[in-house]
Amino acid sequence: MSKFTIKVVASDGFAAGALASTTIALQGMYTSATFSAPDGKVSAQPGTQSVTMLKATPSGNTCTFTALAIPGKALKGTILAKITNVDGNNYDIPVTDAILAQWKDQLDGANNDVIKSGINYMLTVTVKKQGISVVAQITDWTTINATGEGEIKFNSNIISSGVTNAITAGSFEIFQGTALEESGFEAVSKATYSAGEWTLDPKIYWTNGTLPYYFRGLATTTDGSTPTATSSKNAAQDVDLLWATTPAHDGTLESGGTRHFDAGVAIPPRTGDVPLQFEHAMSKITVNLSTSTTGKASPTADESARAVDLGNVSVTISNIATAGTIAITDGNISPTPIAAAVPEAVTGTTPATVEYTAPITAIDGKIVIPQSLVNATYPIKLTIKLSDGTTYSLPLKNCKVESSETNIKAWKRGKHYVYNIYVEKEAIRFVAVLKNWVEVNGGGNANLDWD
């Protein structure tokens, strides 16, 4: 007879007691044989099945399994054993060419891959949550060390997400949850791009071969393209907060074909990457000023008379929320209500000397909290103060999307609102250009109130 001894070590990602319910079954073993007394030869008879191995008492996260086997089994290209329920994970142990090459002196057959009598084939298998490494030994008469690789088997395994244009710099925080509830998410790891790949600290693992997870990401950015990890859910004015979810994608199945995943859904265990797509969680505003001579090389006398000096003009926005809290589940920010009036929540000033060839920017790409501009306890106003002391103001809720009668009633996440304000000596007009982060134009007109 032959003997197999498999020693299993539960390593990366496993807690104590992971092997308590583990079983191992040798695959495709002969179940009957004939014995020739004169020459002591055992001849296997047709018919194979799996053979459950005898389990010893686990010692920590190590356990030994043994089983006798009838000689004659050809190992090449087969699965030697299946390991079941290492804390919910199942593994296959394939017989690789590397193992056969190192066992060649202890195997029979034309392909040098057939089990021989009198050999105890001993394997030490280290299982990890995403894969295994194998050290194979033959003991009793001869000991030979061999190495091989095994793979964890996932149902409908995705080996590629098909996502392109990936970020190749920076870092971000990964949040993980089993339910789409805010209380169910926790920060589990920091991803950092280095040496051409993303590395996780600490490493995280699939719990088993079936339990899916929701994944979200959080970071800040100063240049709009490179993330910096943050685990804080606090949102603050001037901080460009990025939030990520799993995007809609078509994953490539290991078995062939593809499987579609909608945005934000729970991702089942896979060996391929889990993609995360970041978006701006904040809003952004710009305020540009122009007058009757703006963009005119030769203004008329009337235009010159109506023009105002746009040099050293101060622009303020009052009574907006400047802080909030982001929800990890959906990326929405809840503004923190202000407790008292804030006359200068946002401020900006034009240069002392300006050219009138184009509108003058007073507030340039200010990062602000997404929020409603109506029904505020304290009215939200944009105030313009010229260098001569003349002051104009307008309620932001009166701004209309350009070429429409639709009021801009809220600043929404990922949107860039460009307010183009026209100022004359006796009146001002304005248009608001609503732009996406990728700038979608809009505008409109409204009447202004004098202070």
Protein backbone atom coordinates (compact mmCIF):
# COMPACT_ATOMS: atom_id res chain seq x y z
CA MET A 1 0.00 0.00 0.00
CA SER A 2 0.87 3.69 -0.22
CA LYS A 3 0.21 6.34 2.35
CA PHE A 4 -0.59 10.04 2.19
CA THR A 5 0.05 12.40 5.09
CA ILE A 6 -1.14 15.98 4.64
CA LYS A 7 -0.27 18.57 7.25
CA VAL A 8 -2.39 21.73 6.95
CA VAL A 9 -1.25 25.09 8.36
CA ALA A 10 -3.82 27.93 8.36
CA SER A 11 -1.79 31.07 7.78
CA ASP A 12 -2.50 34.60 6.47
CA GLY A 13 -5.99 35.84 7.23
CA PHE A 14 -7.08 33.01 9.53
CA ALA A 15 -7.90 33.32 13.22
CA ALA A 16 -7.30 30.66 15.85
CA GLY A 17 -9.51 27.60 15.49
CA ALA A 18 -9.80 27.88 11.70
CA LEU A 19 -9.20 24.13 11.28
CA ALA A 20 -11.79 22.96 13.80
CA SER A 21 -14.23 21.74 11.12
CA THR A 22 -11.80 21.11 8.28
CA THR A 23 -11.89 17.86 6.31
CA ILE A 24 -9.70 16.54 3.48
CA ALA A 25 -10.62 14.00 0.81
CA LEU A 26 -8.15 12.39 -1.58
CA GLN A 27 -9.56 12.48 -5.11
CA GLY A 28 -9.96 9.67 -7.65
CA MET A 29 -8.37 6.93 -5.54
CA TYR A 30 -8.69 3.22 -6.40
CA THR A 31 -10.93 1.33 -3.97
CA SER A 32 -9.98 -2.30 -4.65
CA ALA A 33 -6.93 -4.29 -5.75
CA THR A 34 -5.54 -7.80 -6.11
CA PHE A 35 -2.44 -8.99 -4.27
CA SER A 36 0.13 -11.40 -5.70
CA ALA A 37 1.84 -13.28 -2.88
CA PRO A 38 4.89 -14.47 -4.84
CA ASP A 39 6.08 -11.03 -5.83
CA GLY A 40 4.14 -8.89 -3.34
CA LYS A 41 2.63 -6.86 -6.16
CA VAL A 42 -0.62 -4.95 -5.67
CA SER A 43 -2.73 -4.44 -8.80
CA ALA A 44 -5.48 -1.81 -8.70
CA GLN A 45 -8.90 -2.75 -10.02
CA PRO A 46 -11.20 -0.41 -12.01
CA GLY A 47 -13.31 2.05 -10.02
CA THR A 48 -12.27 5.19 -8.15
CA GLN A 49 -13.78 7.50 -5.56
CA SER A 50 -12.78 10.14 -3.04
CA VAL A 51 -11.29 8.96 0.23
CA THR A 52 -11.84 10.95 3.43
CA MET A 53 -8.62 11.25 5.39
CA LEU A 54 -8.28 10.51 9.10
CA LYS A 55 -7.99 13.73 11.07
CA ALA A 56 -5.76 14.19 14.11
CA THR A 57 -6.55 16.71 16.86
CA PRO A 58 -5.60 20.23 15.67
CA SER A 59 -2.69 21.92 17.44
CA GLY A 60 -3.26 25.66 17.17
CA ASN A 61 -3.76 26.34 13.48
CA THR A 62 -2.00 23.14 12.39
CA CYS A 63 -3.61 19.75 11.79
CA THR A 64 -2.44 16.44 10.26
CA PHE A 65 -4.53 14.14 8.06
CA THR A 66 -3.59 10.59 6.95
CA ALA A 67 -4.98 7.95 4.59
CA LEU A 68 -3.84 4.70 2.95
CA ALA A 69 -4.08 4.45 -0.82
CA ILE A 70 -3.88 1.64 -3.36
CA PRO A 71 -0.83 2.04 -5.61
CA GLY A 72 -1.27 2.61 -9.33
CA LYS A 73 -2.94 6.05 -9.34
CA ALA A 74 -1.51 8.36 -12.04
CA LEU A 75 -1.01 11.83 -10.54
CA LYS A 76 -0.15 13.99 -13.54
CA GLY A 77 -2.73 16.71 -14.21
CA THR A 78 -5.01 15.66 -11.36
CA ILE A 79 -6.37 17.20 -8.19
CA LEU A 80 -4.76 15.21 -5.40
CA ALA A 81 -7.07 16.39 -2.62
CA LYS A 82 -9.83 18.79 -1.72
CA ILE A 83 -9.63 20.70 1.55
CA THR A 84 -13.06 21.69 2.84
CA ASN A 85 -14.12 24.31 5.40
CA VAL A 86 -11.01 26.08 6.58
CA ASP A 87 -13.11 28.69 8.36
CA GLY A 88 -15.54 28.50 5.45
CA ASN A 89 -12.93 28.34 2.67
CA ASN A 90 -12.42 25.41 0.32
CA TYR A 91 -9.18 24.59 -1.51
CA ASP A 92 -8.00 22.29 -4.28
CA ILE A 93 -4.51 20.78 -4.17
CA PRO A 94 -3.36 20.19 -7.77
CA VAL A 95 -0.42 17.94 -8.64
CA THR A 96 1.96 20.24 -10.54
CA ASP A 97 4.83 19.40 -12.88
CA ALA A 98 7.21 20.86 -10.30
CA ILE A 99 6.09 18.33 -7.69
CA LEU A 100 6.30 15.43 -10.13
CA ALA A 101 9.80 16.47 -11.19
CA GLN A 102 11.02 16.30 -7.60
CA TRP A 103 9.18 13.04 -6.90
CA LYS A 104 10.37 11.33 -10.08
CA ASP A 105 12.49 8.71 -8.28
CA GLN A 106 9.54 7.61 -6.15
CA LEU A 107 6.97 7.25 -8.93
CA ASP A 108 6.26 4.58 -11.57
CA GLY A 109 4.74 4.57 -15.03
CA ALA A 110 5.61 5.78 -18.52
CA ASN A 111 4.95 9.37 -17.45
CA ASN A 112 6.73 8.87 -14.15
CA ASP A 113 3.62 9.90 -12.21
CA VAL A 114 2.15 6.68 -10.73
CA ILE A 115 1.94 6.06 -6.98
CA LYS A 116 4.28 3.27 -5.73
CA SER A 117 3.92 0.87 -2.83
CA GLY A 118 5.87 1.49 0.34
CA ILE A 119 5.99 5.28 0.01
CA ASN A 120 4.51 7.74 2.47
CA TYR A 121 3.75 10.80 0.38
CA MET A 122 3.80 13.68 2.84
CA LEU A 123 2.67 17.21 2.05
CA THR A 124 2.75 20.29 4.22
CA VAL A 125 0.08 22.66 2.91
CA THR A 126 -0.07 26.26 4.04
CA VAL A 127 -3.47 27.74 3.27
CA LYS A 128 -4.13 31.44 3.00
CA LYS A 129 -7.34 33.29 2.36
CA GLN A 130 -6.55 33.91 -1.32
CA GLY A 131 -4.23 31.07 -2.17
CA ILE A 132 -1.98 28.31 -0.90
CA SER A 133 1.68 27.37 -1.07
CA VAL A 134 2.66 23.72 -0.95
CA VAL A 135 5.74 21.97 0.44
CA ALA A 136 5.74 18.27 -0.49
CA GLN A 137 7.81 15.63 1.28
CA ILE A 138 8.24 11.86 0.96
CA THR A 139 9.07 10.30 4.31
CA ASP A 140 9.91 6.92 5.92
CA TRP A 141 12.51 5.63 3.45
CA THR A 142 13.24 8.79 1.49
CA THR A 143 12.55 12.45 2.15
CA ILE A 144 12.31 14.84 -0.77
CA ASN A 145 11.19 18.44 -0.50
CA ALA A 146 9.06 19.83 -3.29
CA THR A 147 7.17 23.03 -3.75
CA GLY A 148 3.98 23.75 -5.62
CA GLU A 149 1.05 26.11 -5.73
CA GLY A 150 -2.64 25.69 -5.06
CA GLU A 151 -5.59 27.94 -5.65
CA ILE A 152 -8.67 28.79 -3.65
CA LYS A 153 -11.77 27.99 -5.68
CA PHE A 154 -14.52 30.64 -5.86
CA ASN A 155 -17.91 30.05 -7.42
CA SER A 156 -18.14 32.00 -10.72
CA ASN A 157 -14.67 33.42 -10.08
CA ILE A 158 -13.93 36.83 -11.62
CA ILE A 159 -10.32 37.09 -12.77
CA SER A 160 -10.52 40.56 -14.35
CA SER A 161 -12.77 43.58 -13.78
CA GLY A 162 -12.17 45.09 -17.22
CA VAL A 163 -11.60 48.53 -15.68
CA THR A 164 -9.20 50.84 -17.54
CA ASN A 165 -7.62 54.25 -16.89
CA ALA A 166 -6.85 53.29 -13.33
CA ILE A 167 -5.25 55.71 -10.86
CA THR A 168 -1.51 55.12 -10.60
CA ALA A 169 -0.56 57.35 -7.68
CA GLY A 170 -1.57 58.28 -4.16
CA SER A 171 -3.53 56.42 -1.49
CA PHE A 172 -7.07 55.88 -0.25
CA GLU A 173 -8.94 54.33 2.65
CA ILE A 174 -11.01 51.19 2.03
CA PHE A 175 -14.33 50.69 3.81
CA GLN A 176 -15.98 47.27 3.86
CA GLY A 177 -19.42 46.07 4.90
CA THR A 178 -21.75 43.08 4.61
CA ALA A 179 -24.93 45.19 4.54
CA LEU A 180 -25.81 48.46 2.83
CA GLU A 181 -26.13 50.28 6.14
CA GLU A 182 -23.96 53.08 7.47
CA SER A 183 -23.36 51.26 10.76
CA GLY A 184 -22.23 48.17 8.85
CA PHE A 185 -19.22 49.81 7.19
CA GLU A 186 -15.80 50.07 8.79
CA ALA A 187 -12.41 51.29 7.62
CA VAL A 188 -10.39 48.11 7.08
CA SER A 189 -7.26 49.03 5.11
CA LYS A 190 -5.23 51.77 3.45
CA ALA A 191 -4.33 51.28 -0.21
CA THR A 192 -1.09 52.90 -1.42
CA TYR A 193 0.26 52.91 -4.97
CA SER A 194 3.92 51.94 -5.08
CA ALA A 195 6.23 50.19 -7.54
CA GLY A 196 3.50 49.83 -10.14
CA GLU A 197 0.77 48.32 -7.96
CA TRP A 198 -1.65 48.98 -5.13
CA THR A 199 -0.63 47.50 -1.80
CA LEU A 200 -2.94 47.19 1.21
CA ASP A 201 -1.96 47.80 4.82
CA PRO A 202 -3.15 45.75 6.53
CA LYS A 203 -3.91 43.03 4.00
CA ILE A 204 -7.56 42.05 3.87
CA TYR A 205 -9.05 38.72 2.84
CA TRP A 206 -12.28 37.20 1.66
CA THR A 207 -13.88 35.54 4.70
CA ASN A 208 -14.76 32.47 2.66
CA GLY A 209 -15.63 31.42 -0.86
CA THR A 210 -19.19 32.77 -0.87
CA LEU A 211 -19.69 35.80 1.43
CA PRO A 212 -19.93 39.03 -0.63
CA TYR A 213 -18.88 42.49 0.56
CA TYR A 214 -19.77 46.07 -0.23
CA PHE A 215 -16.68 48.21 -0.82
CA ARG A 216 -16.32 51.98 -0.59
CA GLY A 217 -13.34 54.35 -0.63
CA LEU A 218 -12.48 57.73 0.87
CA ALA A 219 -9.70 60.21 0.14
CA THR A 220 -8.93 63.88 -0.32
CA THR A 221 -7.13 65.55 -3.21
CA THR A 222 -5.37 68.84 -3.82
CA ASP A 223 -4.80 68.48 -7.56
CA GLY A 224 -8.01 66.75 -8.58
CA SER A 225 -6.27 63.59 -9.72
CA THR A 226 -4.08 62.18 -6.92
CA PRO A 227 -5.92 60.86 -3.83
CA THR A 228 -4.65 60.98 -0.26
CA ALA A 229 -6.22 58.49 2.14
CA THR A 230 -8.51 59.64 4.93
CA SER A 231 -10.71 57.61 7.25
CA SER A 232 -12.52 60.66 8.63
CA LYS A 233 -16.16 61.12 7.65
CA ASN A 234 -15.94 64.84 8.40
CA ALA A 235 -16.39 67.12 5.40
CA ALA A 236 -15.03 70.66 5.50
CA GLN A 237 -15.02 73.67 3.18
CA ASP A 238 -11.83 73.97 1.10
CA VAL A 239 -11.15 70.21 1.33
CA ASP A 240 -11.81 68.34 -1.92
CA LEU A 241 -13.25 65.10 -0.55
CA LEU A 242 -13.36 62.05 -2.82
CA TRP A 243 -15.75 59.12 -2.33
CA ALA A 244 -15.65 55.83 -4.20
CA THR A 245 -17.90 52.89 -4.88
CA THR A 246 -17.62 49.85 -7.09
CA PRO A 247 -18.60 51.01 -10.61
CA ALA A 248 -20.76 49.14 -13.06
CA HIS A 249 -18.46 46.69 -14.81
CA ASP A 250 -18.35 43.44 -16.74
CA GLY A 251 -16.04 40.96 -15.04
CA THR A 252 -14.27 38.21 -16.95
CA LEU A 253 -15.16 34.77 -15.61
CA GLU A 254 -12.42 32.19 -15.09
CA SER A 255 -14.68 29.67 -16.81
CA GLY A 256 -15.14 31.98 -19.81
CA GLY A 257 -17.62 34.72 -20.64
CA THR A 258 -18.49 37.73 -18.51
CA ARG A 259 -20.73 38.67 -15.60
CA HIS A 260 -22.23 42.15 -15.20
CA PHE A 261 -22.13 44.02 -11.89
CA ASP A 262 -24.23 47.14 -11.29
CA ALA A 263 -22.67 50.11 -9.53
CA GLY A 264 -22.48 49.86 -5.75
CA VAL A 265 -23.54 46.23 -5.38
CA ALA A 266 -21.98 43.68 -3.06
CA ILE A 267 -19.01 41.93 -4.69
CA PRO A 268 -18.73 38.15 -4.27
CA PRO A 269 -15.29 36.61 -3.62
CA ARG A 270 -12.95 36.74 -6.61
CA THR A 271 -9.25 36.42 -7.38
CA GLY A 272 -9.32 39.45 -9.68
CA ASP A 273 -9.23 43.08 -8.60
CA VAL A 274 -12.15 44.84 -6.96
CA PRO A 275 -12.48 48.17 -8.81
CA LEU A 276 -13.32 51.42 -7.02
CA GLN A 277 -14.37 54.54 -8.88
CA PHE A 278 -13.85 57.88 -7.12
CA GLU A 279 -15.95 60.99 -7.54
CA HIS A 280 -16.02 64.45 -6.00
CA ALA A 281 -18.26 64.50 -2.95
CA MET A 282 -18.12 68.29 -2.58
CA SER A 283 -19.38 71.20 -4.71
CA LYS A 284 -17.27 73.93 -6.29
CA ILE A 285 -18.10 77.57 -7.04
CA THR A 286 -16.51 80.34 -9.09
CA VAL A 287 -17.61 84.01 -9.26
CA ASN A 288 -16.68 86.13 -12.29
CA LEU A 289 -17.43 89.85 -12.64
CA SER A 290 -17.93 91.91 -15.79
CA THR A 291 -19.19 95.40 -16.63
CA SER A 292 -20.37 97.32 -19.69
CA THR A 293 -16.87 97.68 -21.14
CA THR A 294 -15.76 94.09 -20.60
CA GLY A 295 -14.51 92.50 -23.80
CA LYS A 296 -14.93 95.68 -25.86
CA ALA A 297 -11.86 97.20 -27.46
CA SER A 298 -13.66 100.47 -28.24
CA PRO A 299 -16.61 100.97 -25.89
CA THR A 300 -19.14 103.69 -26.61
CA ALA A 301 -19.42 106.76 -24.43
CA ASP A 302 -22.58 105.35 -22.85
CA GLU A 303 -20.88 102.04 -22.12
CA SER A 304 -17.96 103.84 -20.53
CA ALA A 305 -20.32 105.96 -18.45
CA ARG A 306 -22.15 102.91 -17.11
CA ALA A 307 -19.00 100.89 -16.37
CA VAL A 308 -17.82 100.36 -12.83
CA ASP A 309 -14.28 99.87 -11.58
CA LEU A 310 -13.79 96.13 -11.07
CA GLY A 311 -10.43 96.59 -9.37
CA ASN A 312 -10.21 95.69 -5.69
CA VAL A 313 -13.81 94.49 -5.54
CA SER A 314 -14.73 92.25 -2.60
CA VAL A 315 -17.23 89.40 -3.05
CA THR A 316 -18.72 87.46 -0.14
CA ILE A 317 -21.23 84.66 0.26
CA SER A 318 -23.01 84.58 3.59
CA ASN A 319 -24.71 82.04 5.80
CA ILE A 320 -23.72 78.77 4.18
CA ALA A 321 -22.78 75.59 6.02
CA THR A 322 -19.02 75.08 6.01
CA ALA A 323 -18.89 71.56 7.50
CA GLY A 324 -20.76 68.29 7.29
CA THR A 325 -20.61 64.51 7.51
CA ILE A 326 -20.31 62.10 4.58
CA ALA A 327 -22.26 58.84 4.42
CA ILE A 328 -20.03 55.94 3.41
CA THR A 329 -22.97 54.04 1.91
CA ASP A 330 -23.86 56.55 -0.83
CA GLY A 331 -21.37 59.45 -0.58
CA ASN A 332 -24.00 62.06 0.31
CA ILE A 333 -22.90 64.82 2.68
CA SER A 334 -25.21 66.08 5.43
CA PRO A 335 -24.40 69.76 6.13
CA THR A 336 -23.91 70.84 9.72
CA PRO A 337 -26.49 73.61 10.39
CA ILE A 338 -25.01 76.96 11.31
CA ALA A 339 -25.89 78.20 14.81
CA ALA A 340 -25.64 81.91 13.94
CA ALA A 341 -25.31 84.18 10.93
CA VAL A 342 -22.00 83.90 9.07
CA PRO A 343 -21.61 87.13 7.06
CA GLU A 344 -18.42 86.06 5.27
CA ALA A 345 -18.54 82.30 4.86
CA VAL A 346 -16.80 82.65 1.49
CA THR A 347 -14.74 85.67 0.46
CA GLY A 348 -12.82 86.78 -2.59
CA THR A 349 -11.22 89.93 -4.01
CA THR A 350 -10.32 91.04 -7.50
CA PRO A 351 -6.84 92.46 -8.23
CA ALA A 352 -6.32 96.19 -7.66
CA THR A 353 -5.54 96.67 -11.35
CA VAL A 354 -7.57 94.74 -13.90
CA GLU A 355 -7.87 94.39 -17.66
CA TYR A 356 -11.37 94.51 -19.12
CA THR A 357 -10.68 92.18 -22.03
CA ALA A 358 -12.47 89.35 -20.19
CA PRO A 359 -14.51 88.77 -17.00
CA ILE A 360 -12.56 89.16 -13.76
CA THR A 361 -12.51 86.22 -11.34
CA ALA A 362 -13.17 87.13 -7.71
CA ILE A 363 -13.74 83.61 -6.31
CA ASP A 364 -11.92 80.86 -8.17
CA GLY A 365 -12.95 77.22 -7.75
CA LYS A 366 -13.88 77.38 -4.07
CA ILE A 367 -14.64 73.94 -2.59
CA VAL A 368 -17.90 74.12 -0.61
CA ILE A 369 -20.32 71.80 1.17
CA PRO A 370 -23.21 70.53 -1.01
CA GLN A 371 -26.37 72.09 0.43
CA SER A 372 -29.78 73.61 -0.17
CA LEU A 373 -29.88 77.34 -0.96
CA VAL A 374 -33.55 77.75 0.00
CA ASN A 375 -35.41 77.69 3.28
CA ALA A 376 -32.23 78.55 5.11
CA THR A 377 -32.57 79.87 8.66
CA TYR A 378 -30.26 82.67 7.61
CA PRO A 379 -30.67 83.89 3.99
CA ILE A 380 -27.79 82.91 1.73
CA LYS A 381 -26.61 85.96 -0.22
CA LEU A 382 -23.83 86.94 -2.56
CA THR A 383 -22.61 90.47 -1.84
CA ILE A 384 -20.46 92.62 -4.10
CA LYS A 385 -18.69 95.65 -2.69
CA LEU A 386 -16.96 98.01 -5.11
CA SER A 387 -13.81 99.90 -4.18
CA ASP A 388 -15.88 103.11 -3.79
CA GLY A 389 -18.07 101.45 -1.18
CA THR A 390 -21.08 100.77 -3.40
CA THR A 391 -22.63 97.46 -2.38
CA TYR A 392 -24.90 95.09 -4.27
CA SER A 393 -26.37 91.79 -3.12
CA LEU A 394 -28.47 88.96 -4.50
CA PRO A 395 -30.08 85.87 -2.98
CA LEU A 396 -28.37 82.86 -4.50
CA LYS A 397 -31.68 80.98 -4.66
CA ASN A 398 -32.79 83.46 -7.36
CA CYS A 399 -30.10 82.37 -9.79
CA LYS A 400 -31.45 80.53 -12.80
CA VAL A 401 -29.78 77.97 -14.98
CA GLU A 402 -28.63 79.68 -18.14
CA SER A 403 -31.19 79.77 -20.96
CA SER A 404 -33.93 78.44 -18.68
CA GLU A 405 -36.33 79.47 -15.94
CA THR A 406 -35.03 76.81 -13.56
CA ASN A 407 -33.68 78.19 -10.30
CA ILE A 408 -30.47 76.79 -8.86
CA LYS A 409 -31.92 75.76 -5.51
CA ALA A 410 -29.00 73.70 -4.23
CA TRP A 411 -25.32 73.01 -4.67
CA LYS A 412 -24.99 69.36 -5.55
CA ARG A 413 -21.97 67.13 -5.19
CA GLY A 414 -19.59 66.88 -8.10
CA LYS A 415 -20.96 70.10 -9.65
CA HIS A 416 -19.03 73.28 -10.44
CA TYR A 417 -21.24 76.39 -10.27
CA VAL A 418 -19.86 79.38 -12.13
CA TYR A 419 -21.64 82.63 -11.31
CA ASN A 420 -21.07 85.28 -14.00
CA ILE A 421 -22.09 88.62 -12.50
CA TYR A 422 -22.64 91.72 -14.64
CA VAL A 423 -22.26 95.01 -12.77
CA GLU A 424 -23.29 98.53 -13.90
CA LYS A 425 -23.42 101.79 -12.03
CA GLU A 426 -27.17 101.66 -11.61
CA ALA A 427 -27.92 97.98 -11.80
CA ILE A 428 -26.36 94.62 -12.00
CA ARG A 429 -27.41 91.56 -13.89
CA PHE A 430 -26.13 88.09 -13.42
CA VAL A 431 -26.10 84.68 -14.93
CA ALA A 432 -25.10 81.49 -13.20
CA VAL A 433 -23.30 78.86 -15.19
CA LEU A 434 -23.91 75.38 -13.80
CA LYS A 435 -20.98 73.14 -14.54
CA ASN A 436 -20.26 69.54 -13.77
CA TRP A 437 -16.78 68.72 -12.52
CA VAL A 438 -16.32 68.15 -16.24
CA GLU A 439 -18.02 71.51 -16.79
CA VAL A 440 -21.55 71.49 -18.17
CA ASN A 441 -22.59 75.03 -19.12
CA GLY A 442 -25.72 76.79 -17.89
CA GLY A 443 -26.82 80.33 -17.10
CA GLY A 444 -29.72 82.73 -16.52
CA ASN A 445 -30.84 86.19 -15.46
CA ALA A 446 -32.32 87.55 -12.25
CA ASN A 447 -33.01 90.89 -10.60
CA LEU A 448 -30.69 92.05 -7.87
CA ASP A 449 -31.61 93.67 -4.57
CA TRP A 450 -29.80 96.75 -3.36
CA ASP A 451 -28.59 96.62 0.23
